[in-house]
PDB file of N, CA and C in Angstrom:
ATOM      1  N   MET A   1      21.197  -8.035  21.194  1.00  0.00           N
ATOM      2  CA  MET A   1      20.936  -9.174  20.470  1.00  0.00           C
ATOM      3  C   MET A   1      19.796  -9.157  19.471  1.00  0.00           C
ATOM      4  N   SER A   2      19.148  -7.949  19.409  1.00  0.00           N
ATOM      5  CA  SER A   2      18.004  -7.821  18.571  1.00  0.00           C
ATOM      6  C   SER A   2      18.573  -7.478  17.072  1.00  0.00           C
ATOM      7  N   SER A   3      17.942  -7.982  16.113  1.00  0.00           N
ATOM      8  CA  SER A   3      18.229  -7.650  14.813  1.00  0.00           C
ATOM      9  C   SER A   3      17.095  -7.028  14.005  1.00  0.00           C
ATOM     10  N   VAL A   4      17.417  -6.161  13.134  1.00  0.00           N
ATOM     11  CA  VAL A   4      16.491  -5.455  12.375  1.00  0.00           C
ATOM     12  C   VAL A   4      16.041  -6.311  11.151  1.00  0.00           C
ATOM     13  N   ASN A   5      14.730  -6.507  11.015  1.00  0.00           N
ATOM     14  CA  ASN A   5      14.283  -7.277   9.811  1.00  0.00           C
ATOM     15  C   ASN A   5      13.595  -6.233   8.944  1.00  0.00           C
ATOM     16  N   TYR A   6      14.121  -6.144   7.721  1.00  0.00           N
ATOM     17  CA  TYR A   6      13.567  -5.190   6.773  1.00  0.00           C
ATOM     18  C   TYR A   6      12.530  -5.854   5.986  1.00  0.00           C
ATOM     19  N   ALA A   7      11.325  -5.231   5.651  1.00  0.00           N
ATOM     20  CA  ALA A   7      10.329  -5.826   4.843  1.00  0.00           C
ATOM     21  C   ALA A   7      10.765  -5.881   3.490  1.00  0.00           C
ATOM     22  N   GLN A   8      10.692  -6.972   2.810  1.00  0.00           N
ATOM     23  CA  GLN A   8      11.041  -7.149   1.447  1.00  0.00           C
ATOM     24  C   GLN A   8       9.895  -6.806   0.608  1.00  0.00           C
ATOM     25  N   SER A   9      10.066  -5.882  -0.389  1.00  0.00           N
ATOM     26  CA  SER A   9       9.016  -5.569  -1.254  1.00  0.00           C
ATOM     27  C   SER A   9       9.578  -5.356  -2.691  1.00  0.00           C
ATOM     28  N   ASN A  10       8.748  -5.634  -3.674  1.00  0.00           N
ATOM     29  CA  ASN A  10       9.169  -5.333  -4.965  1.00  0.00           C
ATOM     30  C   ASN A  10       8.751  -4.000  -5.513  1.00  0.00           C
ATOM     31  N   THR A  11       9.565  -3.506  -6.551  1.00  0.00           N
ATOM     32  CA  THR A  11       9.254  -2.188  -7.095  1.00  0.00           C
ATOM     33  C   THR A  11       8.025  -2.263  -7.950  1.00  0.00           C
ATOM     34  N   PRO A  12       7.365  -1.169  -8.089  1.00  0.00           N
ATOM     35  CA  PRO A  12       6.241  -1.131  -9.121  1.00  0.00           C
ATOM     36  C   PRO A  12       6.624  -1.557 -10.564  1.00  0.00           C
ATOM     37  N   ALA A  13       7.868  -1.212 -11.018  1.00  0.00           N
ATOM     38  CA  ALA A  13       8.348  -1.615 -12.194  1.00  0.00           C
ATOM     39  C   ALA A  13       8.507  -3.157 -12.420  1.00  0.00           C
ATOM     40  N   PHE A  14       8.889  -3.840 -11.221  1.00  0.00           N
ATOM     41  CA  PHE A  14       8.926  -5.334 -11.304  1.00  0.00           C
ATOM     42  C   PHE A  14       7.470  -5.830 -11.475  1.00  0.00           C
ATOM     43  N   TYR A  15       6.494  -5.408 -10.652  1.00  0.00           N
ATOM     44  CA  TYR A  15       5.155  -5.826 -10.755  1.00  0.00           C
ATOM     45  C   TYR A  15       4.685  -5.603 -12.173  1.00  0.00           C
ATOM     46  N   PHE A  16       4.881  -4.462 -12.843  1.00  0.00           N
ATOM     47  CA  PHE A  16       4.530  -4.161 -14.180  1.00  0.00           C
ATOM     48  C   PHE A  16       5.106  -5.201 -15.128  1.00  0.00           C
ATOM     49  N   LEU A  17       6.416  -5.538 -14.988  1.00  0.00           N
ATOM     50  CA  LEU A  17       7.082  -6.385 -15.752  1.00  0.00           C
ATOM     51  C   LEU A  17       6.395  -7.865 -15.713  1.00  0.00           C
ATOM     52  N   ALA A  18       6.232  -8.301 -14.467  1.00  0.00           N
ATOM     53  CA  ALA A  18       5.539  -9.527 -14.240  1.00  0.00           C
ATOM     54  C   ALA A  18       4.274  -9.671 -14.848  1.00  0.00           C
ATOM     55  N   TRP A  19       3.281  -8.633 -14.701  1.00  0.00           N
ATOM     56  CA  TRP A  19       2.035  -8.765 -15.304  1.00  0.00           C
ATOM     57  C   TRP A  19       1.941  -8.599 -16.763  1.00  0.00           C
ATOM     58  N   ALA A  20       2.977  -7.701 -17.267  1.00  0.00           N
ATOM     59  CA  ALA A  20       2.987  -7.368 -18.638  1.00  0.00           C
ATOM     60  C   ALA A  20       3.450  -8.734 -19.497  1.00  0.00           C
ATOM     61  N   SER A  21       4.512  -9.392 -18.876  1.00  0.00           N
ATOM     62  CA  SER A  21       4.974 -10.566 -19.450  1.00  0.00           C
ATOM     63  C   SER A  21       4.004 -11.654 -19.496  1.00  0.00           C
ATOM     64  N   PHE A  22       3.138 -11.781 -18.418  1.00  0.00           N
ATOM     65  CA  PHE A  22       2.047 -12.742 -18.306  1.00  0.00           C
ATOM     66  C   PHE A  22       1.001 -12.403 -19.427  1.00  0.00           C
ATOM     67  N   ALA A  23       0.657 -11.183 -19.539  1.00  0.00           N
ATOM     68  CA  ALA A  23      -0.346 -10.834 -20.603  1.00  0.00           C
ATOM     69  C   ALA A  23       0.152 -11.082 -21.993  1.00  0.00           C
ATOM     70  N   ILE A  24       1.336 -10.812 -22.147  1.00  0.00           N
ATOM     71  CA  ILE A  24       1.930 -11.008 -23.631  1.00  0.00           C
ATOM     72  C   ILE A  24       1.937 -12.515 -23.942  1.00  0.00           C
ATOM     73  N   ALA A  25       2.395 -13.246 -22.988  1.00  0.00           N
ATOM     74  CA  ALA A  25       2.452 -14.706 -23.034  1.00  0.00           C
ATOM     75  C   ALA A  25       1.075 -15.262 -23.320  1.00  0.00           C
ATOM     76  N   SER A  26       0.077 -14.813 -22.575  1.00  0.00           N
ATOM     77  CA  SER A  26      -1.352 -15.328 -22.695  1.00  0.00           C
ATOM     78  C   SER A  26      -1.906 -14.865 -24.113  1.00  0.00           C
ATOM     79  N   ILE A  27      -1.740 -13.666 -24.484  1.00  0.00           N
ATOM     80  CA  ILE A  27      -2.181 -13.179 -25.810  1.00  0.00           C
ATOM     81  C   ILE A  27      -1.508 -13.881 -26.890  1.00  0.00           C
ATOM     82  N   GLY A  28      -0.232 -14.192 -26.729  1.00  0.00           N
ATOM     83  CA  GLY A  28       0.423 -14.998 -27.824  1.00  0.00           C
ATOM     84  C   GLY A  28      -0.050 -16.431 -27.969  1.00  0.00           C
ATOM     85  N   THR A  29      -0.330 -17.095 -26.791  1.00  0.00           N
ATOM     86  CA  THR A  29      -0.909 -18.333 -26.791  1.00  0.00           C
ATOM     87  C   THR A  29      -2.254 -18.368 -27.481  1.00  0.00           C
ATOM     88  N   ILE A  30      -3.091 -17.401 -27.087  1.00  0.00           N
ATOM     89  CA  ILE A  30      -4.438 -17.379 -27.613  1.00  0.00           C
ATOM     90  C   ILE A  30      -4.316 -17.126 -29.203  1.00  0.00           C
ATOM     91  N   ILE A  31      -3.503 -16.277 -29.591  1.00  0.00           N
ATOM     92  CA  ILE A  31      -3.383 -15.998 -31.128  1.00  0.00           C
ATOM     93  C   ILE A  31      -2.818 -17.285 -31.712  1.00  0.00           C
ATOM     94  N   GLY A  32      -1.928 -17.979 -31.105  1.00  0.00           N
ATOM     95  CA  GLY A  32      -1.326 -19.235 -31.627  1.00  0.00           C
ATOM     96  C   GLY A  32      -2.401 -20.306 -31.777  1.00  0.00           C
ATOM     97  N   LEU A  33      -3.207 -20.260 -30.772  1.00  0.00           N
ATOM     98  CA  LEU A  33      -4.361 -21.445 -30.794  1.00  0.00           C
ATOM     99  C   LEU A  33      -5.291 -21.060 -31.901  1.00  0.00           C
ATOM    100  N   TYR A  34      -5.518 -19.743 -32.042  1.00  0.00           N
ATOM    101  CA  TYR A  34      -6.504 -19.324 -33.056  1.00  0.00           C
ATOM    102  C   TYR A  34      -6.029 -19.737 -34.517  1.00  0.00           C
ATOM    103  N   TYR A  35      -4.856 -19.462 -34.725  1.00  0.00           N
ATOM    104  CA  TYR A  35      -4.369 -19.773 -36.060  1.00  0.00           C
ATOM    105  C   TYR A  35      -3.837 -21.239 -36.230  1.00  0.00           C
ATOM    106  N   LEU A  36      -3.906 -22.007 -35.250  1.00  0.00           N
ATOM    107  CA  LEU A  36      -3.417 -23.384 -35.332  1.00  0.00           C
ATOM    108  C   LEU A  36      -4.275 -24.199 -36.234  1.00  0.00           C
ATOM    109  N   GLU A  37      -3.738 -24.863 -37.267  1.00  0.00           N
ATOM    110  CA  GLU A  37      -4.567 -25.652 -38.235  1.00  0.00           C
ATOM    111  C   GLU A  37      -4.790 -27.098 -37.673  1.00  0.00           C
ATOM    112  N   ALA A  38      -5.775 -27.034 -36.760  1.00  0.00           N
ATOM    113  CA  ALA A  38      -6.099 -28.285 -36.097  1.00  0.00           C
ATOM    114  C   ALA A  38      -7.666 -28.328 -35.792  1.00  0.00           C
ATOM    115  N   ASN A  39      -8.108 -29.570 -35.507  1.00  0.00           N
ATOM    116  CA  ASN A  39      -9.574 -29.522 -35.181  1.00  0.00           C
ATOM    117  C   ASN A  39      -9.832 -28.892 -33.722  1.00  0.00           C
ATOM    118  N   LEU A  40     -11.072 -28.813 -33.415  1.00  0.00           N
ATOM    119  CA  LEU A  40     -11.456 -28.110 -32.227  1.00  0.00           C
ATOM    120  C   LEU A  40     -11.023 -28.933 -30.962  1.00  0.00           C
ATOM    121  N   ALA A  41     -11.082 -30.276 -31.132  1.00  0.00           N
ATOM    122  CA  ALA A  41     -10.612 -31.086 -29.897  1.00  0.00           C
ATOM    123  C   ALA A  41      -9.058 -30.855 -29.541  1.00  0.00           C
ATOM    124  N   VAL A  42      -8.300 -30.650 -30.523  1.00  0.00           N
ATOM    125  CA  VAL A  42      -6.866 -30.477 -30.325  1.00  0.00           C
ATOM    126  C   VAL A  42      -6.617 -29.099 -29.812  1.00  0.00           C
ATOM    127  N   LYS A  43      -7.363 -28.076 -30.297  1.00  0.00           N
ATOM    128  CA  LYS A  43      -7.289 -26.707 -29.734  1.00  0.00           C
ATOM    129  C   LYS A  43      -7.805 -26.706 -28.232  1.00  0.00           C
ATOM    130  N   GLY A  44      -8.890 -27.399 -28.053  1.00  0.00           N
ATOM    131  CA  GLY A  44      -9.411 -27.503 -26.693  1.00  0.00           C
ATOM    132  C   GLY A  44      -8.397 -28.108 -25.673  1.00  0.00           C
ATOM    133  N   PHE A  45      -7.626 -29.220 -26.220  1.00  0.00           N
ATOM    134  CA  PHE A  45      -6.773 -29.867 -25.413  1.00  0.00           C
ATOM    135  C   PHE A  45      -5.589 -28.890 -25.026  1.00  0.00           C
ATOM    136  N   PHE A  46      -5.006 -28.182 -26.029  1.00  0.00           N
ATOM    137  CA  PHE A  46      -4.111 -27.267 -25.855  1.00  0.00           C
ATOM    138  C   PHE A  46      -4.454 -26.117 -24.857  1.00  0.00           C
ATOM    139  N   THR A  47      -5.728 -25.551 -25.105  1.00  0.00           N
ATOM    140  CA  THR A  47      -6.183 -24.668 -24.161  1.00  0.00           C
ATOM    141  C   THR A  47      -6.332 -25.054 -22.709  1.00  0.00           C
ATOM    142  N   MET A  48      -6.861 -26.198 -22.531  1.00  0.00           N
ATOM    143  CA  MET A  48      -6.838 -26.756 -21.215  1.00  0.00           C
ATOM    144  C   MET A  48      -5.521 -27.111 -20.490  1.00  0.00           C
ATOM    145  N   SER A  49      -4.646 -27.542 -21.333  1.00  0.00           N
ATOM    146  CA  SER A  49      -3.224 -27.651 -20.875  1.00  0.00           C
ATOM    147  C   SER A  49      -2.531 -26.437 -20.472  1.00  0.00           C
ATOM    148  N   TYR A  50      -2.832 -25.381 -21.278  1.00  0.00           N
ATOM    149  CA  TYR A  50      -2.152 -24.003 -21.021  1.00  0.00           C
ATOM    150  C   TYR A  50      -2.759 -23.438 -19.596  1.00  0.00           C
ATOM    151  N   LEU A  51      -4.071 -23.696 -19.607  1.00  0.00           N
ATOM    152  CA  LEU A  51      -4.784 -23.151 -18.296  1.00  0.00           C
ATOM    153  C   LEU A  51      -4.380 -23.914 -17.123  1.00  0.00           C
ATOM    154  N   PHE A  52      -4.182 -25.168 -17.169  1.00  0.00           N
ATOM    155  CA  PHE A  52      -3.749 -25.984 -16.116  1.00  0.00           C
ATOM    156  C   PHE A  52      -2.229 -25.597 -15.715  1.00  0.00           C
ATOM    157  N   SER A  53      -1.414 -25.290 -16.706  1.00  0.00           N
ATOM    158  CA  SER A  53       0.009 -24.977 -16.431  1.00  0.00           C
ATOM    159  C   SER A  53      -0.033 -23.496 -15.687  1.00  0.00           C
ATOM    160  N   VAL A  54      -0.813 -22.644 -16.200  1.00  0.00           N
ATOM    161  CA  VAL A  54      -0.907 -21.340 -15.470  1.00  0.00           C
ATOM    162  C   VAL A  54      -1.395 -21.410 -14.037  1.00  0.00           C
ATOM    163  N   SER A  55      -2.429 -22.254 -13.759  1.00  0.00           N
ATOM    164  CA  SER A  55      -2.896 -22.267 -12.379  1.00  0.00           C
ATOM    165  C   SER A  55      -1.794 -23.054 -11.612  1.00  0.00           C
ATOM    166  N   SER A  56      -1.151 -24.068 -12.195  1.00  0.00           N
ATOM    167  CA  SER A  56      -0.098 -24.755 -11.431  1.00  0.00           C
ATOM    168  C   SER A  56       0.985 -23.800 -11.141  1.00  0.00           C
ATOM    169  N   CYS A  57       1.446 -22.847 -11.915  1.00  0.00           N
ATOM    170  CA  CYS A  57       2.389 -21.972 -11.533  1.00  0.00           C
ATOM    171  C   CYS A  57       2.010 -21.013 -10.521  1.00  0.00           C
ATOM    172  N   PHE A  58       0.778 -20.580 -10.424  1.00  0.00           N
ATOM    173  CA  PHE A  58       0.312 -19.708  -9.290  1.00  0.00           C
ATOM    174  C   PHE A  58       0.353 -20.616  -7.980  1.00  0.00           C
ATOM    175  N   VAL A  59       0.024 -21.745  -8.036  1.00  0.00           N
ATOM    176  CA  VAL A  59      -0.078 -22.631  -6.759  1.00  0.00           C
ATOM    177  C   VAL A  59       1.372 -22.825  -6.347  1.00  0.00           C
ATOM    178  N   VAL A  60       2.283 -23.140  -7.269  1.00  0.00           N
ATOM    179  CA  VAL A  60       3.668 -23.389  -6.789  1.00  0.00           C
ATOM    180  C   VAL A  60       4.239 -22.138  -6.164  1.00  0.00           C
ATOM    181  N   ALA A  61       4.007 -21.012  -6.815  1.00  0.00           N
ATOM    182  CA  ALA A  61       4.567 -19.650  -6.331  1.00  0.00           C
ATOM    183  C   ALA A  61       3.977 -19.408  -4.880  1.00  0.00           C
ATOM    184  N   LYS A  62       2.646 -19.787  -4.709  1.00  0.00           N
ATOM    185  CA  LYS A  62       2.023 -19.545  -3.343  1.00  0.00           C
ATOM    186  C   LYS A  62       2.541 -20.575  -2.409  1.00  0.00           C
ATOM    187  N   VAL A  63       2.823 -21.789  -2.655  1.00  0.00           N
ATOM    188  CA  VAL A  63       3.345 -22.728  -1.799  1.00  0.00           C
ATOM    189  C   VAL A  63       4.732 -22.286  -1.279  1.00  0.00           C
ATOM    190  N   ILE A  64       5.613 -21.892  -2.248  1.00  0.00           N
ATOM    191  CA  ILE A  64       6.987 -21.450  -1.858  1.00  0.00           C
ATOM    192  C   ILE A  64       6.982 -20.279  -0.937  1.00  0.00           C
ATOM    193  N   ARG A  65       6.010 -19.259  -1.317  1.00  0.00           N
ATOM    194  CA  ARG A  65       5.983 -18.171  -0.546  1.00  0.00           C
ATOM    195  C   ARG A  65       5.429 -18.393   0.903  1.00  0.00           C
ATOM    196  N   ASP A  66       4.470 -19.304   1.036  1.00  0.00           N
ATOM    197  CA  ASP A  66       3.958 -19.718   2.352  1.00  0.00           C
ATOM    198  C   ASP A  66       5.045 -20.370   3.153  1.00  0.00           C
ATOM    199  N   LYS A  67       5.821 -21.218   2.506  1.00  0.00           N
ATOM    200  CA  LYS A  67       6.887 -21.942   3.298  1.00  0.00           C
ATOM    201  C   LYS A  67       7.982 -20.887   3.761  1.00  0.00           C
ATOM    202  N   GLN A  68       8.304 -19.965   2.903  1.00  0.00           N
ATOM    203  CA  GLN A  68       9.222 -18.974   3.331  1.00  0.00           C
ATOM    204  C   GLN A  68       8.717 -18.108   4.475  1.00  0.00           C
ATOM    205  N   GLU A  69       7.477 -17.766   4.461  1.00  0.00           N
ATOM    206  CA  GLU A  69       6.884 -16.889   5.605  1.00  0.00           C
ATOM    207  C   GLU A  69       6.841 -17.686   6.748  1.00  0.00           C
ATOM    208  N   GLN A  70       6.476 -19.114   6.604  1.00  0.00           N
ATOM    209  CA  GLN A  70       6.503 -19.954   7.780  1.00  0.00           C
ATOM    210  C   GLN A  70       7.864 -19.960   8.499  1.00  0.00           C
ATOM    211  N   GLY A  71       8.847 -20.028   7.679  1.00  0.00           N
ATOM    212  CA  GLY A  71      10.238 -20.013   8.136  1.00  0.00           C
ATOM    213  C   GLY A  71      10.630 -18.799   8.860  1.00  0.00           C
ATOM    214  N   ASN A  72      10.116 -17.601   8.330  1.00  0.00           N
ATOM    215  CA  ASN A  72      10.440 -16.410   8.991  1.00  0.00           C
ATOM    216  C   ASN A  72       9.695 -16.260  10.329  1.00  0.00           C
ATOM    217  N   VAL A  73       8.507 -16.817  10.392  1.00  0.00           N
ATOM    218  CA  VAL A  73       7.758 -16.783  11.662  1.00  0.00           C
ATOM    219  C   VAL A  73       8.524 -17.663  12.755  1.00  0.00           C
ATOM    220  N   ILE A  74       8.817 -18.816  12.311  1.00  0.00           N
ATOM    221  CA  ILE A  74       9.515 -19.729  13.178  1.00  0.00           C
ATOM    222  C   ILE A  74      10.907 -19.055  13.685  1.00  0.00           C
ATOM    223  N   LYS A  75      11.692 -18.497  12.817  1.00  0.00           N
ATOM    224  CA  LYS A  75      12.849 -17.784  13.150  1.00  0.00           C
ATOM    225  C   LYS A  75      12.682 -16.654  14.190  1.00  0.00           C
ATOM    226  N   ARG A  76      11.473 -15.845  14.004  1.00  0.00           N
ATOM    227  CA  ARG A  76      11.222 -14.733  14.966  1.00  0.00           C
ATOM    228  C   ARG A  76      10.785 -15.305  16.359  1.00  0.00           C
ATOM    229  N   ILE A  77      10.135 -16.439  16.337  1.00  0.00           N
ATOM    230  CA  ILE A  77       9.854 -17.025  17.587  1.00  0.00           C
ATOM    231  C   ILE A  77      11.080 -17.593  18.338  1.00  0.00           C
ATOM    232  N   GLU A  78      11.990 -18.272  17.602  1.00  0.00           N
ATOM    233  CA  GLU A  78      13.250 -18.680  18.174  1.00  0.00           C
ATOM    234  C   GLU A  78      14.090 -17.465  18.690  1.00  0.00           C
ATOM    235  N   ASP A  79      14.122 -16.451  17.863  1.00  0.00           N
ATOM    236  CA  ASP A  79      14.852 -15.306  18.293  1.00  0.00           C
ATOM    237  C   ASP A  79      14.300 -14.619  19.571  1.00  0.00           C
ATOM    238  N   ALA A  80      12.991 -14.601  19.612  1.00  0.00           N
ATOM    239  CA  ALA A  80      12.337 -14.038  20.913  1.00  0.00           C
ATOM    240  C   ALA A  80      12.715 -14.902  22.068  1.00  0.00           C
ATOM    241  N   ARG A  81      12.647 -16.251  21.978  1.00  0.00           N
ATOM    242  CA  ARG A  81      12.958 -17.100  22.943  1.00  0.00           C
ATOM    243  C   ARG A  81      14.411 -16.921  23.455  1.00  0.00           C
ATOM    244  N   THR A  82      15.302 -16.840  22.488  1.00  0.00           N
ATOM    245  CA  THR A  82      16.772 -16.710  22.818  1.00  0.00           C
ATOM    246  C   THR A  82      16.878 -15.285  23.485  1.00  0.00           C
ATOM    247  N   GLU A  83      16.365 -14.317  23.039  1.00  0.00           N
ATOM    248  CA  GLU A  83      16.417 -12.965  23.593  1.00  0.00           C
ATOM    249  C   GLU A  83      15.978 -12.975  25.065  1.00  0.00           C
ATOM    250  N   GLU A  84      14.797 -13.693  25.277  1.00  0.00           N
ATOM    251  CA  GLU A  84      14.122 -13.828  26.668  1.00  0.00           C
ATOM    252  C   GLU A  84      15.184 -14.530  27.642  1.00  0.00           C
ATOM    253  N   PHE A  85      15.846 -15.632  27.083  1.00  0.00           N
ATOM    254  CA  PHE A  85      16.645 -16.412  27.840  1.00  0.00           C
ATOM    255  C   PHE A  85      17.850 -15.612  28.182  1.00  0.00           C
ATOM    256  N   LEU A  86      18.522 -14.932  27.268  1.00  0.00           N
ATOM    257  CA  LEU A  86      19.778 -14.252  27.421  1.00  0.00           C
ATOM    258  C   LEU A  86      19.446 -13.174  28.483  1.00  0.00           C
ATOM    259  N   SER A  87      18.347 -12.480  28.364  1.00  0.00           N
ATOM    260  CA  SER A  87      18.091 -11.295  29.146  1.00  0.00           C
ATOM    261  C   SER A  87      17.797 -11.759  30.608  1.00  0.00           C
ATOM    262  N   LYS A  88      17.220 -12.918  30.677  1.00  0.00           N
ATOM    263  CA  LYS A  88      16.889 -13.448  32.014  1.00  0.00           C
ATOM    264  C   LYS A  88      18.169 -13.847  32.703  1.00  0.00           C
ATOM    265  N   TYR A  89      19.222 -14.476  32.101  1.00  0.00           N
ATOM    266  CA  TYR A  89      20.291 -15.039  32.756  1.00  0.00           C
ATOM    267  C   TYR A  89      21.615 -14.135  32.611  1.00  0.00           C
ATOM    268  N   THR A  90      21.464 -12.962  31.960  1.00  0.00           N
ATOM    269  CA  THR A  90      22.654 -12.038  31.914  1.00  0.00           C
ATOM    270  C   THR A  90      22.439 -10.835  32.656  1.00  0.00           C
ATOM    271  N   ASP A  91      21.207 -10.487  33.054  1.00  0.00           N
ATOM    272  CA  ASP A  91      20.881  -9.371  33.819  1.00  0.00           C
ATOM    273  C   ASP A  91      21.060  -9.671  35.315  1.00  0.00           C
ATOM    274  N   PRO A  92      22.038  -8.965  35.929  1.00  0.00           N
ATOM    275  CA  PRO A  92      22.291  -9.274  37.314  1.00  0.00           C
ATOM    276  C   PRO A  92      21.257  -8.879  38.278  1.00  0.00           C
ATOM    277  N   ALA A  93      20.371  -7.923  37.886  1.00  0.00           N
ATOM    278  CA  ALA A  93      19.256  -7.512  38.708  1.00  0.00           C
ATOM    279  C   ALA A  93      18.220  -8.560  38.832  1.00  0.00           C
ATOM    280  N   LYS A  94      18.068  -9.532  37.902  1.00  0.00           N
ATOM    281  CA  LYS A  94      17.145 -10.539  37.861  1.00  0.00           C
ATOM    282  C   LYS A  94      17.635 -11.842  38.541  1.00  0.00           C
ATOM    283  N   LEU A  95      18.960 -11.882  38.926  1.00  0.00           N
ATOM    284  CA  LEU A  95      19.463 -13.068  39.560  1.00  0.00           C
ATOM    285  C   LEU A  95      19.211 -13.111  40.943  1.00  0.00           C
TER     286      LEU A  95
END
C-alpha cells in the first residue's frame, strides 16, 4: 500500500530562464522609465507600481507553494494512518 513519492525539481535551464526573463523585464522597465517623457512624480508612481507588482508576484508564488506543500504533508499523514490501520487489521499475527 506504500507509494513512491518522487521529489519534484526544476532543471538548471528552467531556473536560468526564469531569472533571465525577470532580469530582462526589469531592465526593460528601467530603460522605459528613463526615456519616458513625464515629470518625476509620474516616473516615481510607475516605479512604485512596478516594484509593488513584482513583490506581489513573489508573495503569490510563495502562498501557492506553501499551500501545495501543506497538502502534500496532510496527504502523507493520511497515507501513514491508512497504512497503519490496514497493517493492524490485515495481519493475522496481530489479531
